[in-house]
Protein backbone atom coordinates (compact mmCIF):
# COMPACT_ATOMS: atom_id res chain seq x y z
CA MET A 1 12.02 7.70 -0.28
CA ILE A 2 10.82 4.15 -0.92
CA LEU A 3 11.23 3.30 -4.57
CA ASP A 4 12.16 -0.34 -4.19
CA GLN A 5 9.89 -3.21 -3.26
CA GLY A 6 12.05 -6.28 -2.99
CA SER A 7 14.35 -6.72 -5.94
CA ARG A 8 12.81 -4.29 -8.41
CA PRO A 9 11.81 -0.61 -8.48
CA THR A 10 8.12 0.12 -8.24
CA HIS A 11 5.98 2.70 -9.98
CA LYS A 12 3.96 2.93 -6.80
CA GLY A 13 6.93 4.32 -4.89
CA SER A 14 7.64 7.05 -7.44
CA ILE A 15 4.01 8.05 -7.79
CA ILE A 16 3.27 8.06 -4.06
CA SER A 17 6.45 10.02 -3.32
CA LEU A 18 5.40 12.80 -5.70
CA TYR A 19 1.85 12.72 -4.32
CA GLU A 20 3.08 13.06 -0.74
CA GLN A 21 5.24 16.00 -1.86
CA GLY A 22 2.07 17.73 -3.02
CA TYR A 23 2.36 17.38 -6.79
CA PRO A 24 -0.95 17.35 -8.70
CA GLU A 25 -1.93 14.15 -10.55
CA PRO A 26 -1.25 15.49 -14.08
CA ASP A 27 2.30 16.46 -13.06
CA ILE A 28 2.84 13.08 -11.40
CA ALA A 29 1.63 11.29 -14.54
CA ARG A 30 3.93 13.35 -16.74
CA GLN A 31 6.99 12.95 -14.48
CA THR A 32 6.54 9.19 -14.14
CA ASN A 33 5.59 8.57 -17.78
CA HIS A 34 2.16 7.19 -16.86
CA THR A 35 -1.33 7.99 -18.04
CA ILE A 36 -3.49 10.06 -15.73
CA GLU A 37 -5.77 7.01 -15.39
CA ALA A 38 -2.92 4.75 -14.24
CA THR A 39 -1.66 7.43 -11.85
CA SER A 40 -5.16 7.91 -10.44
CA ASN A 41 -5.50 4.15 -9.94
CA TYR A 42 -2.24 3.94 -7.96
CA LEU A 43 -3.30 6.91 -5.82
CA LYS A 44 -6.82 5.56 -5.29
CA ASN A 45 -5.45 2.25 -4.01
CA TYR A 46 -2.89 4.02 -1.80
CA LYS A 47 -5.61 6.18 -0.27
CA ARG A 48 -7.87 3.15 0.27
CA VAL A 49 -5.16 1.27 2.14
CA LYS A 50 -4.34 4.38 4.17
CA VAL A 51 -7.98 4.82 5.23
CA LEU A 52 -8.25 1.14 6.18
CA LEU A 53 -5.07 1.41 8.25
CA GLU A 54 -6.46 4.50 9.96
CA LYS A 55 -9.55 2.44 10.82
CA LYS A 56 -7.32 -0.37 12.18
CA PHE A 57 -8.31 -3.08 9.68
CA ASN A 58 -5.93 -6.02 9.55
CA LEU A 59 -4.26 -7.37 6.43
CA MET A 60 -6.77 -10.09 5.58
CA GLU A 61 -9.69 -7.71 6.09
CA MET A 62 -8.06 -5.25 3.70
CA VAL A 63 -7.59 -8.02 1.13
CA ARG A 64 -11.29 -8.92 1.36
CA ILE A 65 -12.51 -5.31 1.30
CA THR A 66 -10.33 -4.07 -1.56
CA GLY A 67 -10.01 -7.18 -3.69
CA MET A 68 -6.27 -6.47 -3.96
CA GLY A 69 -3.73 -9.20 -3.39
CA ARG A 70 -1.88 -9.58 -0.12
CA SER A 71 1.49 -8.53 -1.57
CA THR A 72 -0.06 -5.45 -3.19
CA ILE A 73 -1.66 -4.43 0.10
CA LEU A 74 1.69 -4.91 1.84
CA GLN A 75 3.42 -2.68 -0.72
CA TYR A 76 0.88 0.09 -0.21
CA ARG A 77 0.99 -0.45 3.56
CA ASP A 78 4.76 -0.01 3.59
CA LEU A 79 4.42 3.23 1.65
CA VAL A 80 1.72 4.49 4.03
CA TYR A 81 3.95 3.65 7.00
CA TYR A 82 6.90 5.41 5.41
CA TYR A 83 4.97 8.67 4.96
CA HIS A 84 2.70 8.26 8.00
CA PRO A 85 4.67 6.36 10.67
CA ASP A 86 2.06 7.33 13.26
CA LEU A 87 -0.26 4.74 11.67
CA LYS A 88 2.01 1.79 12.54
CA ARG A 89 0.55 -0.54 15.13
CA PRO A 90 2.96 -2.44 17.37
CA GLU A 91 0.70 -5.49 17.47
CA GLU A 92 0.59 -5.75 13.67
CA LYS A 93 3.51 -8.18 13.43
CA GLU A 94 1.61 -10.59 15.66
CA ASP A 95 -1.54 -10.12 13.55
CA ILE A 96 0.38 -11.05 10.39
CA LYS A 97 1.90 -14.16 12.01
CA LYS A 98 -1.56 -15.23 13.20
CA GLU A 99 -3.08 -14.66 9.74
CA GLU A 100 -0.28 -16.66 8.10
CA LYS A 101 -1.00 -19.56 10.48
CA GLU A 102 -4.72 -19.40 9.67
CA VAL A 103 -4.08 -19.30 5.92
CA GLY A 104 -1.62 -22.20 6.24
CA ALA A 105 -4.16 -24.24 8.22
CA ALA A 106 -6.88 -23.51 5.67
CA ILE A 107 -4.67 -24.75 2.82
CA LYS A 108 -3.86 -28.09 4.52
């Protein structure tokens, strides 16, 4: 189970884990000490990223479509990959390197 994103635990990990185990939203909210609205928001964003990964959108496209930050998308992406490893694309590492180059060039 992924509950850690970098150096700190994440609510996303706990909530998504319970969701993937089949718990209903009210139970997830209660078990994680969150409101139903906050729980629904985490799950909505997780599902959005999952659908975009299924449709083969790259990271920067997902940022533009969702309005979420790059690091947030990456957190959700890692959770999707953990629970749905079949969605991983081997060429994705190259896509991310290319996008980082483009972003770096745009900043200069």
